[in-house]
PDB file of N, CA and C in Angstrom:
ATOM      1  N   MET A   1      -8.199  27.963 -25.971  1.00  0.00           N
ATOM      2  CA  MET A   1      -7.550  28.404 -24.758  1.00  0.00           C
ATOM      3  C   MET A   1      -6.038  28.272 -24.924  1.00  0.00           C
ATOM      4  N   THR A   2      -5.320  29.238 -24.409  1.00  0.00           N
ATOM      5  CA  THR A   2      -3.865  29.195 -24.438  1.00  0.00           C
ATOM      6  C   THR A   2      -3.336  28.627 -23.122  1.00  0.00           C
ATOM      7  N   PHE A   3      -2.074  28.277 -23.115  1.00  0.00           N
ATOM      8  CA  PHE A   3      -1.452  27.771 -21.898  1.00  0.00           C
ATOM      9  C   PHE A   3      -1.505  28.820 -20.789  1.00  0.00           C
ATOM     10  N   ASP A   4      -1.243  30.072 -21.126  1.00  0.00           N
ATOM     11  CA  ASP A   4      -1.274  31.140 -20.123  1.00  0.00           C
ATOM     12  C   ASP A   4      -2.674  31.315 -19.531  1.00  0.00           C
ATOM     13  N   GLU A   5      -3.702  31.225 -20.356  1.00  0.00           N
ATOM     14  CA  GLU A   5      -5.077  31.322 -19.861  1.00  0.00           C
ATOM     15  C   GLU A   5      -5.393  30.143 -18.934  1.00  0.00           C
ATOM     16  N   TYR A   6      -4.878  28.982 -19.294  1.00  0.00           N
ATOM     17  CA  TYR A   6      -5.081  27.794 -18.470  1.00  0.00           C
ATOM     18  C   TYR A   6      -4.427  27.984 -17.099  1.00  0.00           C
ATOM     19  N   CYS A   7      -3.213  28.477 -17.079  1.00  0.00           N
ATOM     20  CA  CYS A   7      -2.511  28.728 -15.809  1.00  0.00           C
ATOM     21  C   CYS A   7      -3.268  29.748 -14.965  1.00  0.00           C
ATOM     22  N   GLU A   8      -3.776  30.765 -15.611  1.00  0.00           N
ATOM     23  CA  GLU A   8      -4.540  31.803 -14.905  1.00  0.00           C
ATOM     24  C   GLU A   8      -5.783  31.198 -14.254  1.00  0.00           C
ATOM     25  N   MET A   9      -6.458  30.328 -14.951  1.00  0.00           N
ATOM     26  CA  MET A   9      -7.657  29.695 -14.427  1.00  0.00           C
ATOM     27  C   MET A   9      -7.334  28.921 -13.144  1.00  0.00           C
ATOM     28  N   TRP A  10      -6.220  28.193 -13.149  1.00  0.00           N
ATOM     29  CA  TRP A  10      -5.836  27.407 -11.976  1.00  0.00           C
ATOM     30  C   TRP A  10      -5.320  28.272 -10.831  1.00  0.00           C
ATOM     31  N   SER A  11      -4.993  29.519 -11.098  1.00  0.00           N
ATOM     32  CA  SER A  11      -4.540  30.404 -10.022  1.00  0.00           C
ATOM     33  C   SER A  11      -5.708  30.924  -9.188  1.00  0.00           C
ATOM     34  N   GLU A  12      -6.934  30.687  -9.662  1.00  0.00           N
ATOM     35  CA  GLU A  12      -8.136  31.106  -8.934  1.00  0.00           C
ATOM     36  C   GLU A  12      -8.535  30.012  -7.944  1.00  0.00           C
ATOM     37  N   PRO A  13      -8.495  30.300  -6.632  1.00  0.00           N
ATOM     38  CA  PRO A  13      -8.869  29.279  -5.640  1.00  0.00           C
ATOM     39  C   PRO A  13     -10.268  28.699  -5.869  1.00  0.00           C
ATOM     40  N   GLU A  14     -11.174  29.509  -6.374  1.00  0.00           N
ATOM     41  CA  GLU A  14     -12.536  29.034  -6.620  1.00  0.00           C
ATOM     42  C   GLU A  14     -12.546  27.910  -7.654  1.00  0.00           C
ATOM     43  N   TYR A  15     -11.678  28.020  -8.658  1.00  0.00           N
ATOM     44  CA  TYR A  15     -11.633  26.995  -9.694  1.00  0.00           C
ATOM     45  C   TYR A  15     -11.139  25.669  -9.111  1.00  0.00           C
ATOM     46  N   VAL A  16     -10.117  25.738  -8.289  1.00  0.00           N
ATOM     47  CA  VAL A  16      -9.565  24.531  -7.669  1.00  0.00           C
ATOM     48  C   VAL A  16     -10.650  23.840  -6.836  1.00  0.00           C
ATOM     49  N   ILE A  17     -11.350  24.605  -6.032  1.00  0.00           N
ATOM     50  CA  ILE A  17     -12.425  24.049  -5.192  1.00  0.00           C
ATOM     51  C   ILE A  17     -13.522  23.458  -6.062  1.00  0.00           C
ATOM     52  N   HIS A  18     -13.874  24.153  -7.123  1.00  0.00           N
ATOM     53  CA  HIS A  18     -14.932  23.682  -8.011  1.00  0.00           C
ATOM     54  C   HIS A  18     -14.550  22.350  -8.662  1.00  0.00           C
ATOM     55  N   VAL A  19     -13.332  22.237  -9.152  1.00  0.00           N
ATOM     56  CA  VAL A  19     -12.875  20.993  -9.783  1.00  0.00           C
ATOM     57  C   VAL A  19     -12.958  19.845  -8.783  1.00  0.00           C
ATOM     58  N   ARG A  20     -12.467  20.063  -7.581  1.00  0.00           N
ATOM     59  CA  ARG A  20     -12.470  19.001  -6.571  1.00  0.00           C
ATOM     60  C   ARG A  20     -13.890  18.592  -6.193  1.00  0.00           C
ATOM     61  N   THR A  21     -14.764  19.562  -6.034  1.00  0.00           N
ATOM     62  CA  THR A  21     -16.153  19.279  -5.665  1.00  0.00           C
ATOM     63  C   THR A  21     -16.879  18.532  -6.778  1.00  0.00           C
ATOM     64  N   PHE A  22     -16.722  19.007  -8.003  1.00  0.00           N
ATOM     65  CA  PHE A  22     -17.374  18.382  -9.158  1.00  0.00           C
ATOM     66  C   PHE A  22     -16.887  16.933  -9.309  1.00  0.00           C
ATOM     67  N   ALA A  23     -15.582  16.734  -9.208  1.00  0.00           N
ATOM     68  CA  ALA A  23     -15.011  15.397  -9.349  1.00  0.00           C
ATOM     69  C   ALA A  23     -15.507  14.465  -8.242  1.00  0.00           C
ATOM     70  N   GLN A  24     -15.653  15.003  -7.054  1.00  0.00           N
ATOM     71  CA  GLN A  24     -16.153  14.195  -5.936  1.00  0.00           C
ATOM     72  C   GLN A  24     -17.588  13.734  -6.204  1.00  0.00           C
ATOM     73  N   LYS A  25     -18.401  14.620  -6.763  1.00  0.00           N
ATOM     74  CA  LYS A  25     -19.782  14.251  -7.102  1.00  0.00           C
ATOM     75  C   LYS A  25     -19.822  13.139  -8.140  1.00  0.00           C
ATOM     76  N   LEU A  26     -18.838  13.144  -9.047  1.00  0.00           N
ATOM     77  CA  LEU A  26     -18.762  12.113 -10.082  1.00  0.00           C
ATOM     78  C   LEU A  26     -18.070  10.842  -9.587  1.00  0.00           C
ATOM     79  N   LYS A  27     -17.604  10.878  -8.327  1.00  0.00           N
ATOM     80  CA  LYS A  27     -16.860   9.761  -7.738  1.00  0.00           C
ATOM     81  C   LYS A  27     -15.579   9.451  -8.530  1.00  0.00           C
ATOM     82  N   SER A  28     -14.907  10.503  -8.930  1.00  0.00           N
ATOM     83  CA  SER A  28     -13.636  10.361  -9.649  1.00  0.00           C
ATOM     84  C   SER A  28     -12.602   9.716  -8.737  1.00  0.00           C
ATOM     85  N   ASP A  29     -11.778   8.859  -9.318  1.00  0.00           N
ATOM     86  CA  ASP A  29     -10.710   8.238  -8.543  1.00  0.00           C
ATOM     87  C   ASP A  29      -9.365   8.940  -8.748  1.00  0.00           C
ATOM     88  N   GLY A  30      -9.372  10.053  -9.450  1.00  0.00           N
ATOM     89  CA  GLY A  30      -8.131  10.808  -9.653  1.00  0.00           C
ATOM     90  C   GLY A  30      -7.277  10.216 -10.753  1.00  0.00           C
ATOM     91  N   CYS A  31      -6.024   9.977 -10.448  1.00  0.00           N
ATOM     92  CA  CYS A  31      -5.065   9.501 -11.445  1.00  0.00           C
ATOM     93  C   CYS A  31      -5.080   7.977 -11.491  1.00  0.00           C
ATOM     94  N   THR A  32      -5.956   7.434 -12.274  1.00  0.00           N
ATOM     95  CA  THR A  32      -6.161   5.992 -12.347  1.00  0.00           C
ATOM     96  C   THR A  32      -4.898   5.251 -12.755  1.00  0.00           C
ATOM     97  N   GLY A  33      -4.438   4.365 -11.887  1.00  0.00           N
ATOM     98  CA  GLY A  33      -3.330   3.480 -12.215  1.00  0.00           C
ATOM     99  C   GLY A  33      -1.945   4.110 -12.235  1.00  0.00           C
ATOM    100  N   VAL A  34      -1.838   5.379 -11.893  1.00  0.00           N
ATOM    101  CA  VAL A  34      -0.526   6.040 -11.858  1.00  0.00           C
ATOM    102  C   VAL A  34      -0.425   6.856 -10.568  1.00  0.00           C
ATOM    103  N   PRO A  35       0.794   7.255 -10.163  1.00  0.00           N
ATOM    104  CA  PRO A  35       0.944   8.051  -8.942  1.00  0.00           C
ATOM    105  C   PRO A  35       0.127   9.349  -8.994  1.00  0.00           C
ATOM    106  N   GLU A  36      -0.289   9.784  -7.836  1.00  0.00           N
ATOM    107  CA  GLU A  36      -1.171  10.948  -7.692  1.00  0.00           C
ATOM    108  C   GLU A  36      -0.407  12.282  -7.631  1.00  0.00           C
ATOM    109  N   PHE A  37       0.717  12.396  -8.300  1.00  0.00           N
ATOM    110  CA  PHE A  37       1.526  13.616  -8.251  1.00  0.00           C
ATOM    111  C   PHE A  37       0.746  14.843  -8.714  1.00  0.00           C
ATOM    112  N   TYR A  38      -0.134  14.669  -9.661  1.00  0.00           N
ATOM    113  CA  TYR A  38      -0.855  15.793 -10.263  1.00  0.00           C
ATOM    114  C   TYR A  38      -2.366  15.555 -10.161  1.00  0.00           C
ATOM    115  N   ARG A  39      -2.807  15.249  -8.958  1.00  0.00           N
ATOM    116  CA  ARG A  39      -4.184  14.817  -8.700  1.00  0.00           C
ATOM    117  C   ARG A  39      -5.231  15.798  -9.223  1.00  0.00           C
ATOM    118  N   ASP A  40      -5.081  17.091  -8.963  1.00  0.00           N
ATOM    119  CA  ASP A  40      -6.098  18.046  -9.408  1.00  0.00           C
ATOM    120  C   ASP A  40      -6.240  18.042 -10.933  1.00  0.00           C
ATOM    121  N   GLY A  41      -5.135  17.901 -11.644  1.00  0.00           N
ATOM    122  CA  GLY A  41      -5.200  17.814 -13.103  1.00  0.00           C
ATOM    123  C   GLY A  41      -5.937  16.556 -13.548  1.00  0.00           C
ATOM    124  N   CYS A  42      -5.716  15.465 -12.835  1.00  0.00           N
ATOM    125  CA  CYS A  42      -6.427  14.222 -13.143  1.00  0.00           C
ATOM    126  C   CYS A  42      -7.920  14.359 -12.855  1.00  0.00           C
ATOM    127  N   LEU A  43      -8.253  15.052 -11.777  1.00  0.00           N
ATOM    128  CA  LEU A  43      -9.664  15.267 -11.453  1.00  0.00           C
ATOM    129  C   LEU A  43     -10.343  16.083 -12.544  1.00  0.00           C
ATOM    130  N   GLU A  44      -9.674  17.140 -12.986  1.00  0.00           N
ATOM    131  CA  GLU A  44     -10.220  17.960 -14.068  1.00  0.00           C
ATOM    132  C   GLU A  44     -10.404  17.113 -15.332  1.00  0.00           C
ATOM    133  N   HIS A  45      -9.434  16.280 -15.616  1.00  0.00           N
ATOM    134  CA  HIS A  45      -9.475  15.404 -16.787  1.00  0.00           C
ATOM    135  C   HIS A  45     -10.654  14.426 -16.676  1.00  0.00           C
ATOM    136  N   ASP A  46     -10.863  13.859 -15.487  1.00  0.00           N
ATOM    137  CA  ASP A  46     -11.985  12.940 -15.278  1.00  0.00           C
ATOM    138  C   ASP A  46     -13.327  13.632 -15.508  1.00  0.00           C
ATOM    139  N   VAL A  47     -13.465  14.856 -15.014  1.00  0.00           N
ATOM    140  CA  VAL A  47     -14.706  15.609 -15.222  1.00  0.00           C
ATOM    141  C   VAL A  47     -14.980  15.739 -16.716  1.00  0.00           C
ATOM    142  N   SER A  48     -13.962  16.120 -17.464  1.00  0.00           N
ATOM    143  CA  SER A  48     -14.138  16.304 -18.904  1.00  0.00           C
ATOM    144  C   SER A  48     -14.456  14.990 -19.609  1.00  0.00           C
ATOM    145  N   TYR A  49     -13.771  13.929 -19.218  1.00  0.00           N
ATOM    146  CA  TYR A  49     -14.010  12.631 -19.866  1.00  0.00           C
ATOM    147  C   TYR A  49     -15.414  12.110 -19.588  1.00  0.00           C
ATOM    148  N   ARG A  50     -15.917  12.356 -18.404  1.00  0.00           N
ATOM    149  CA  ARG A  50     -17.233  11.817 -18.048  1.00  0.00           C
ATOM    150  C   ARG A  50     -18.397  12.669 -18.533  1.00  0.00           C
ATOM    151  N   THR A  51     -18.143  13.962 -18.737  1.00  0.00           N
ATOM    152  CA  THR A  51     -19.256  14.854 -19.085  1.00  0.00           C
ATOM    153  C   THR A  51     -19.156  15.461 -20.479  1.00  0.00           C
ATOM    154  N   GLY A  52     -17.958  15.443 -21.078  1.00  0.00           N
ATOM    155  CA  GLY A  52     -17.773  16.115 -22.364  1.00  0.00           C
ATOM    156  C   GLY A  52     -17.738  17.625 -22.218  1.00  0.00           C
ATOM    157  N   ARG A  53     -17.559  18.072 -20.968  1.00  0.00           N
ATOM    158  CA  ARG A  53     -17.523  19.504 -20.668  1.00  0.00           C
ATOM    159  C   ARG A  53     -16.369  19.756 -19.700  1.00  0.00           C
ATOM    160  N   ASP A  54     -15.859  20.974 -19.718  1.00  0.00           N
ATOM    161  CA  ASP A  54     -14.839  21.301 -18.728  1.00  0.00           C
ATOM    162  C   ASP A  54     -15.547  21.695 -17.429  1.00  0.00           C
ATOM    163  N   PRO A  55     -14.812  21.853 -16.331  1.00  0.00           N
ATOM    164  CA  PRO A  55     -15.472  22.189 -15.070  1.00  0.00           C
ATOM    165  C   PRO A  55     -16.233  23.521 -15.076  1.00  0.00           C
ATOM    166  N   LYS A  56     -15.968  24.368 -16.059  1.00  0.00           N
ATOM    167  CA  LYS A  56     -16.725  25.615 -16.175  1.00  0.00           C
ATOM    168  C   LYS A  56     -17.948  25.439 -17.084  1.00  0.00           C
ATOM    169  N   ASP A  57     -18.265  24.190 -17.419  1.00  0.00           N
ATOM    170  CA  ASP A  57     -19.433  23.794 -18.198  1.00  0.00           C
ATOM    171  C   ASP A  57     -19.345  24.165 -19.673  1.00  0.00           C
ATOM    172  N   LYS A  58     -18.144  24.326 -20.178  1.00  0.00           N
ATOM    173  CA  LYS A  58     -17.942  24.577 -21.607  1.00  0.00           C
ATOM    174  C   LYS A  58     -17.714  23.238 -22.317  1.00  0.00           C
ATOM    175  N   LYS A  59     -18.372  23.040 -23.461  1.00  0.00           N
ATOM    176  CA  LYS A  59     -18.178  21.805 -24.228  1.00  0.00           C
ATOM    177  C   LYS A  59     -16.691  21.654 -24.552  1.00  0.00           C
ATOM    178  N   ILE A  60     -16.200  20.427 -24.440  1.00  0.00           N
ATOM    179  CA  ILE A  60     -14.779  20.175 -24.640  1.00  0.00           C
ATOM    180  C   ILE A  60     -14.607  18.876 -25.427  1.00  0.00           C
ATOM    181  N   THR A  61     -13.577  18.826 -26.234  1.00  0.00           N
ATOM    182  CA  THR A  61     -13.269  17.607 -26.979  1.00  0.00           C
ATOM    183  C   THR A  61     -12.314  16.745 -26.159  1.00  0.00           C
ATOM    184  N   ARG A  62     -12.220  15.508 -26.535  1.00  0.00           N
ATOM    185  CA  ARG A  62     -11.279  14.611 -25.873  1.00  0.00           C
ATOM    186  C   ARG A  62      -9.849  15.113 -26.067  1.00  0.00           C
ATOM    187  N   ARG A  63      -9.532  15.573 -27.256  1.00  0.00           N
ATOM    188  CA  ARG A  63      -8.193  16.092 -27.543  1.00  0.00           C
ATOM    189  C   ARG A  63      -7.857  17.276 -26.625  1.00  0.00           C
ATOM    190  N   GLU A  64      -8.821  18.181 -26.442  1.00  0.00           N
ATOM    191  CA  GLU A  64      -8.602  19.343 -25.568  1.00  0.00           C
ATOM    192  C   GLU A  64      -8.431  18.901 -24.118  1.00  0.00           C
ATOM    193  N   ALA A  65      -9.237  17.947 -23.667  1.00  0.00           N
ATOM    194  CA  ALA A  65      -9.117  17.445 -22.293  1.00  0.00           C
ATOM    195  C   ALA A  65      -7.727  16.848 -22.060  1.00  0.00           C
ATOM    196  N   ASP A  66      -7.244  16.088 -23.027  1.00  0.00           N
ATOM    197  CA  ASP A  66      -5.916  15.477 -22.903  1.00  0.00           C
ATOM    198  C   ASP A  66      -4.818  16.538 -22.900  1.00  0.00           C
ATOM    199  N   LYS A  67      -4.979  17.557 -23.722  1.00  0.00           N
ATOM    200  CA  LYS A  67      -3.996  18.645 -23.771  1.00  0.00           C
ATOM    201  C   LYS A  67      -3.952  19.369 -22.429  1.00  0.00           C
ATOM    202  N   ARG A  68      -5.109  19.572 -21.834  1.00  0.00           N
ATOM    203  CA  ARG A  68      -5.149  20.263 -20.543  1.00  0.00           C
ATOM    204  C   ARG A  68      -4.470  19.445 -19.449  1.00  0.00           C
ATOM    205  N   LEU A  69      -4.581  18.127 -19.509  1.00  0.00           N
ATOM    206  CA  LEU A  69      -3.865  17.291 -18.538  1.00  0.00           C
ATOM    207  C   LEU A  69      -2.362  17.481 -18.704  1.00  0.00           C
ATOM    208  N   ARG A  70      -1.887  17.498 -19.935  1.00  0.00           N
ATOM    209  CA  ARG A  70      -0.457  17.728 -20.202  1.00  0.00           C
ATOM    210  C   ARG A  70      -0.045  19.112 -19.698  1.00  0.00           C
ATOM    211  N   TRP A  71      -0.896  20.108 -19.942  1.00  0.00           N
ATOM    212  CA  TRP A  71      -0.598  21.463 -19.475  1.00  0.00           C
ATOM    213  C   TRP A  71      -0.547  21.524 -17.957  1.00  0.00           C
ATOM    214  N   TYR A  72      -1.431  20.793 -17.299  1.00  0.00           N
ATOM    215  CA  TYR A  72      -1.438  20.808 -15.834  1.00  0.00           C
ATOM    216  C   TYR A  72      -0.100  20.285 -15.309  1.00  0.00           C
ATOM    217  N   VAL A  73       0.362  19.179 -15.866  1.00  0.00           N
ATOM    218  CA  VAL A  73       1.653  18.628 -15.443  1.00  0.00           C
ATOM    219  C   VAL A  73       2.766  19.630 -15.761  1.00  0.00           C
ATOM    220  N   ARG A  74       2.729  20.196 -16.949  1.00  0.00           N
ATOM    221  CA  ARG A  74       3.735  21.203 -17.354  1.00  0.00           C
ATOM    222  C   ARG A  74       3.761  22.366 -16.366  1.00  0.00           C
ATOM    223  N   MET A  75       2.594  22.831 -15.985  1.00  0.00           N
ATOM    224  CA  MET A  75       2.462  23.979 -15.093  1.00  0.00           C
ATOM    225  C   MET A  75       3.049  23.687 -13.705  1.00  0.00           C
ATOM    226  N   ASN A  76       3.004  22.433 -13.284  1.00  0.00           N
ATOM    227  CA  ASN A  76       3.420  22.070 -11.921  1.00  0.00           C
ATOM    228  C   ASN A  76       4.727  21.291 -11.849  1.00  0.00           C
ATOM    229  N   SER A  77       5.339  20.998 -12.974  1.00  0.00           N
ATOM    230  CA  SER A  77       6.576  20.222 -12.997  1.00  0.00           C
ATOM    231  C   SER A  77       7.796  21.140 -13.018  1.00  0.00           C
ATOM    232  N   PRO A  78       8.861  20.768 -12.327  1.00  0.00           N
ATOM    233  CA  PRO A  78      10.081  21.564 -12.408  1.00  0.00           C
ATOM    234  C   PRO A  78      10.695  21.532 -13.808  1.00  0.00           C
ATOM    235  N   PHE A  79      10.286  20.578 -14.637  1.00  0.00           N
ATOM    236  CA  PHE A  79      10.800  20.467 -15.999  1.00  0.00           C
ATOM    237  C   PHE A  79       9.969  21.256 -17.012  1.00  0.00           C
ATOM    238  N   GLY A  80       8.848  21.818 -16.562  1.00  0.00           N
ATOM    239  CA  GLY A  80       8.008  22.631 -17.445  1.00  0.00           C
ATOM    240  C   GLY A  80       7.535  21.860 -18.665  1.00  0.00           C
ATOM    241  N   ALA A  81       7.659  22.486 -19.833  1.00  0.00           N
ATOM    242  CA  ALA A  81       7.182  21.893 -21.089  1.00  0.00           C
ATOM    243  C   ALA A  81       7.921  20.609 -21.441  1.00  0.00           C
ATOM    244  N   TYR A  82       9.074  20.386 -20.835  1.00  0.00           N
ATOM    245  CA  TYR A  82       9.878  19.207 -21.152  1.00  0.00           C
ATOM    246  C   TYR A  82       9.684  18.076 -20.143  1.00  0.00           C
ATOM    247  N   SER A  83       8.637  18.185 -19.339  1.00  0.00           N
ATOM    248  CA  SER A  83       8.377  17.162 -18.339  1.00  0.00           C
ATOM    249  C   SER A  83       8.114  15.816 -19.006  1.00  0.00           C
ATOM    250  N   PRO A  84       8.966  14.822 -18.749  1.00  0.00           N
ATOM    251  CA  PRO A  84       8.714  13.509 -19.336  1.00  0.00           C
ATOM    252  C   PRO A  84       7.388  12.916 -18.847  1.00  0.00           C
ATOM    253  N   LEU A  85       7.046  13.182 -17.592  1.00  0.00           N
ATOM    254  CA  LEU A  85       5.800  12.657 -17.042  1.00  0.00           C
ATOM    255  C   LEU A  85       4.586  13.262 -17.740  1.00  0.00           C
ATOM    256  N   GLY A  86       4.656  14.549 -18.058  1.00  0.00           N
ATOM    257  CA  GLY A  86       3.558  15.195 -18.774  1.00  0.00           C
ATOM    258  C   GLY A  86       3.328  14.564 -20.137  1.00  0.00           C
ATOM    259  N   TRP A  87       4.396  14.326 -20.848  1.00  0.00           N
ATOM    260  CA  TRP A  87       4.277  13.713 -22.178  1.00  0.00           C
ATOM    261  C   TRP A  87       3.866  12.255 -22.074  1.00  0.00           C
ATOM    262  N   TRP A  88       4.371  11.553 -21.064  1.00  0.00           N
ATOM    263  CA  TRP A  88       4.022  10.152 -20.877  1.00  0.00           C
ATOM    264  C   TRP A  88       2.528  10.009 -20.577  1.00  0.00           C
ATOM    265  N   ARG A  89       2.021  10.840 -19.656  1.00  0.00           N
ATOM    266  CA  ARG A  89       0.593  10.761 -19.325  1.00  0.00           C
ATOM    267  C   ARG A  89      -0.271  11.180 -20.515  1.00  0.00           C
ATOM    268  N   TRP A  90       0.169  12.194 -21.222  1.00  0.00           N
ATOM    269  CA  TRP A  90      -0.582  12.626 -22.406  1.00  0.00           C
ATOM    270  C   TRP A  90      -0.661  11.483 -23.418  1.00  0.00           C
ATOM    271  N   ALA A  91       0.459  10.823 -23.690  1.00  0.00           N
ATOM    272  CA  ALA A  91       0.473   9.715 -24.643  1.00  0.00           C
ATOM    273  C   ALA A  91      -0.427   8.579 -24.167  1.00  0.00           C
ATOM    274  N   GLY A  92      -0.399   8.309 -22.866  1.00  0.00           N
ATOM    275  CA  GLY A  92      -1.233   7.242 -22.316  1.00  0.00           C
ATOM    276  C   GLY A  92      -2.717   7.501 -22.515  1.00  0.00           C
ATOM    277  N   VAL A  93      -3.157   8.730 -22.237  1.00  0.00           N
ATOM    278  CA  VAL A  93      -4.589   9.018 -22.401  1.00  0.00           C
ATOM    279  C   VAL A  93      -4.967   9.138 -23.871  1.00  0.00           C
ATOM    280  N   ARG A  94      -4.043   9.579 -24.707  1.00  0.00           N
ATOM    281  CA  ARG A  94      -4.352   9.643 -26.142  1.00  0.00           C
ATOM    282  C   ARG A  94      -4.521   8.237 -26.720  1.00  0.00           C
ATOM    283  N   ILE A  95      -3.689   7.318 -26.276  1.00  0.00           N
ATOM    284  CA  ILE A  95      -3.735   5.956 -26.805  1.00  0.00           C
ATOM    285  C   ILE A  95      -4.859   5.135 -26.170  1.00  0.00           C
ATOM    286  N   ALA A  96      -4.930   5.131 -24.853  1.00  0.00           N
ATOM    287  CA  ALA A  96      -5.868   4.256 -24.159  1.00  0.00           C
ATOM    288  C   ALA A  96      -7.161   4.949 -23.717  1.00  0.00           C
ATOM    289  N   GLY A  97      -7.190   6.263 -23.745  1.00  0.00           N
ATOM    290  CA  GLY A  97      -8.349   6.994 -23.243  1.00  0.00           C
ATOM    291  C   GLY A  97      -9.613   6.852 -24.063  1.00  0.00           C
ATOM    292  N   PHE A  98      -9.472   6.373 -25.277  1.00  0.00           N
ATOM    293  CA  PHE A  98     -10.634   6.204 -26.155  1.00  0.00           C
ATOM    294  C   PHE A  98     -11.736   5.420 -25.461  1.00  0.00           C
ATOM    295  N   TRP A  99     -11.346   4.401 -24.707  1.00  0.00           N
ATOM    296  CA  TRP A  99     -12.327   3.517 -24.050  1.00  0.00           C
ATOM    297  C   TRP A  99     -13.046   4.215 -22.901  1.00  0.00           C
ATOM    298  N   SER A 100     -12.437   5.235 -22.337  1.00  0.00           N
ATOM    299  CA  SER A 100     -13.028   5.912 -21.176  1.00  0.00           C
ATOM    300  C   SER A 100     -13.833   7.149 -21.532  1.00  0.00           C
ATOM    301  N   TRP A 101     -13.640   7.698 -22.726  1.00  0.00           N
ATOM    302  CA  TRP A 101     -14.326   8.931 -23.115  1.00  0.00           C
ATOM    303  C   TRP A 101     -15.830   8.703 -23.161  1.00  0.00           C
ATOM    304  N   GLN A 102     -16.568   9.495 -22.381  1.00  0.00           N
ATOM    305  CA  GLN A 102     -18.020   9.402 -22.349  1.00  0.00           C
ATOM    306  C   GLN A 102     -18.678  10.668 -22.873  1.00  0.00           C
ATOM    307  N   GLY A 103     -17.837  11.667 -23.183  1.00  0.00           N
ATOM    308  CA  GLY A 103     -18.349  12.964 -23.603  1.00  0.00           C
ATOM    309  C   GLY A 103     -19.125  12.886 -24.866  1.00  0.00           C
TER     310      GLY A 103
END
C-alpha cells in the first residue's frame, strides 16, 4: 500500500466507522500512555496488533501496522512527513511494541 492509497482509505466515512466499531469490540484503549491526538490511527493500530490483520481483514505484518500509524499521524499533522510526533510514536511502537504484538 502507498501513502496515497492509505489517505484515500481514510477519506471513506465507512472505513472510519468500521475502525472505531472493530476497535470497540476488541476493547481497545486507543493511544496507550500517550495523548489521544491521533486516536483513530491508534485504534487502527490496536486492531492490527491484536488480530494480525488490518480493519479490512487483510493479513498485516507488525512493520506494516507501525508504518500505518506513522502515516496516520503524517496525514493529520500540520508538519506532514516531518511530524516529530509521528516519528516519535513510530519509534516507540517499533522498540516497545514487540511485547504487544499478538498477530
